[in-house]
Amino acid sequence: MFRALFRLVLALVILVAAAAFFLGYWISDDSVETPLSATPAPTVNTEKARQTGAAIGEKVATGAAEAEQVLSEAALTAKIKSKMALDDQVKALSIDVDTRGTAVTLSGTVHSEAERVKAVQLARETAGVTAVNDRLVIK
């Protein structure tokens, strides 16, 4: 689901960037209409077009990277919360999972040391997680 959402966001970003580029190129020609015999042949400023295209390309790449990061973090959070919800020892609703990159922070309350250990273990065993910060409090 996250891959499909990411692909949709990426496709929309590219489509909007291409449309903005062509619209800007089309609008930037501010010449007043005069008879063809009175106007010189139009020239295209290729350097300006290249610079504009490069700037738009950079913005699209940055936006795509940010979207990918957000989706990746959301996917890790969802995997961990799903594991906790399926485990009988862990009360998933009382545990918050915060993901920054590949590091995960668990916070909230648990009812026992065994529940805390199991929650941390589930997070550590999740593919893609490199660090788990345990801020769980035992009631």
Protein backbone atom coordinates (compact mmCIF):
# COMPACT_ATOMS: atom_id res chain seq x y z
CA MET A 1 0.00 0.00 0.00
CA PHE A 2 2.82 2.40 0.88
CA ARG A 3 4.63 1.68 -2.38
CA ALA A 4 1.50 2.41 -4.38
CA LEU A 5 0.96 5.65 -2.45
CA PHE A 6 4.60 6.62 -2.95
CA ARG A 7 4.39 5.95 -6.68
CA LEU A 8 1.22 8.02 -6.93
CA VAL A 9 2.80 10.95 -5.05
CA LEU A 10 5.96 10.74 -7.17
CA ALA A 11 3.97 10.64 -10.41
CA LEU A 12 1.93 13.67 -9.34
CA VAL A 13 5.05 15.63 -8.39
CA ILE A 14 6.67 14.90 -11.75
CA LEU A 15 3.48 15.75 -13.64
CA VAL A 16 3.08 19.07 -11.80
CA ALA A 17 6.75 19.95 -12.35
CA ALA A 18 6.54 19.23 -16.07
CA ALA A 19 3.34 21.25 -16.38
CA ALA A 20 4.89 24.17 -14.48
CA PHE A 21 7.97 24.06 -16.69
CA PHE A 22 6.01 24.13 -19.93
CA LEU A 23 3.55 26.71 -18.64
CA GLY A 24 6.40 28.95 -17.51
CA TYR A 25 8.15 28.55 -20.84
CA TRP A 26 4.96 29.35 -22.73
CA ILE A 27 4.10 32.38 -20.58
CA SER A 28 7.65 33.79 -20.54
CA ASP A 29 7.36 34.90 -24.18
CA ASP A 30 6.06 38.46 -23.58
CA SER A 31 6.25 39.66 -27.19
CA VAL A 32 3.35 41.66 -28.58
CA GLU A 33 1.70 40.21 -31.63
CA THR A 34 2.71 42.07 -34.78
CA PRO A 35 2.60 41.06 -38.40
CA LEU A 36 5.10 38.34 -39.29
CA SER A 37 6.84 40.55 -41.81
CA ALA A 38 7.66 43.15 -39.11
CA THR A 39 9.04 40.79 -36.44
CA PRO A 40 12.42 39.11 -36.48
CA ALA A 41 12.58 35.36 -36.05
CA PRO A 42 12.06 34.50 -32.37
CA THR A 43 15.06 33.20 -30.49
CA VAL A 44 15.01 30.80 -27.60
CA ASN A 45 17.25 31.46 -24.66
CA THR A 46 18.47 27.89 -24.27
CA GLU A 47 20.64 28.71 -21.26
CA LYS A 48 17.66 30.10 -19.36
CA ALA A 49 15.59 27.06 -20.34
CA ARG A 50 18.35 24.72 -19.08
CA GLN A 51 18.65 26.59 -15.79
CA THR A 52 14.89 26.56 -15.27
CA GLY A 53 14.71 22.86 -16.10
CA ALA A 54 17.58 22.07 -13.72
CA ALA A 55 15.97 24.05 -10.90
CA ILE A 56 12.64 22.29 -11.37
CA GLY A 57 14.36 18.91 -11.59
CA GLU A 58 16.18 19.58 -8.33
CA LYS A 59 12.93 20.54 -6.58
CA VAL A 60 11.21 17.41 -7.87
CA ALA A 61 14.08 15.20 -6.69
CA THR A 62 14.06 16.84 -3.25
CA GLY A 63 10.30 16.43 -2.93
CA ALA A 64 10.47 12.80 -4.01
CA ALA A 65 13.23 12.07 -1.46
CA GLU A 66 11.22 13.68 1.33
CA ALA A 67 8.09 11.75 0.34
CA GLU A 68 10.07 8.50 0.29
CA GLN A 69 11.47 9.20 3.78
CA VAL A 70 8.03 9.92 5.23
CA LEU A 71 6.55 6.80 3.68
CA SER A 72 9.46 4.68 4.89
CA GLU A 73 9.05 5.94 8.47
CA ALA A 74 5.30 5.36 8.35
CA ALA A 75 5.84 1.82 7.07
CA LEU A 76 8.22 1.00 9.96
CA THR A 77 5.77 2.43 12.50
CA ALA A 78 2.92 0.41 10.99
CA LYS A 79 4.96 -2.81 11.02
CA ILE A 80 5.84 -2.40 14.69
CA LYS A 81 2.31 -1.45 15.76
CA SER A 82 0.94 -4.44 13.83
CA LYS A 83 3.34 -6.82 15.56
CA MET A 84 2.34 -5.42 18.94
CA ALA A 85 -1.36 -5.63 18.16
CA LEU A 86 -1.01 -9.30 17.21
CA ASP A 87 0.99 -10.18 20.34
CA ASP A 88 -1.02 -11.29 23.39
CA GLN A 89 1.58 -10.01 25.91
CA VAL A 90 1.64 -6.41 24.66
CA LYS A 91 -1.14 -3.83 25.00
CA ALA A 92 -0.43 -1.96 21.75
CA LEU A 93 -2.92 0.84 22.40
CA SER A 94 -0.94 2.11 25.39
CA ILE A 95 2.38 2.24 23.51
CA ASP A 96 3.36 5.06 21.16
CA VAL A 97 5.83 4.33 18.36
CA ASP A 98 7.76 7.29 16.93
CA THR A 99 10.05 6.66 13.95
CA ARG A 100 12.86 8.98 12.79
CA GLY A 101 14.74 7.45 9.89
CA THR A 102 15.49 3.92 11.08
CA ALA A 103 15.51 4.74 14.81
CA VAL A 104 12.37 3.99 16.82
CA THR A 105 11.27 5.44 20.16
CA LEU A 106 8.75 3.54 22.27
CA SER A 107 6.87 5.54 24.89
CA GLY A 108 3.76 5.08 26.98
CA THR A 109 2.82 2.77 29.81
CA VAL A 110 3.05 -0.99 30.22
CA HIS A 111 1.78 -3.20 33.02
CA SER A 112 4.89 -5.30 33.65
CA GLU A 113 8.58 -5.70 32.94
CA ALA A 114 7.75 -8.68 30.71
CA GLU A 115 5.45 -6.52 28.58
CA ARG A 116 8.15 -3.84 28.27
CA VAL A 117 10.79 -6.40 27.26
CA LYS A 118 8.44 -7.97 24.68
CA ALA A 119 7.53 -4.57 23.16
CA VAL A 120 11.20 -3.62 22.80
CA GLN A 121 12.01 -7.05 21.36
CA LEU A 122 9.23 -6.76 18.75
CA ALA A 123 10.53 -3.35 17.68
CA ARG A 124 14.17 -4.53 17.48
CA GLU A 125 13.22 -7.58 15.41
CA THR A 126 11.41 -5.47 12.81
CA ALA A 127 13.23 -5.32 9.47
CA GLY A 128 14.66 -1.86 8.82
CA VAL A 129 14.97 -0.81 12.49
CA THR A 130 18.54 0.00 13.52
CA ALA A 131 17.96 1.44 17.00
CA VAL A 132 15.22 1.32 19.65
CA ASN A 133 14.95 3.99 22.35
CA ASP A 134 12.96 2.56 25.27
CA ARG A 135 10.96 5.24 27.14
CA LEU A 136 8.27 2.89 28.40
CA VAL A 137 7.04 3.33 31.98
CA ILE A 138 5.80 0.43 34.07
CA LYS A 139 2.54 1.21 35.93
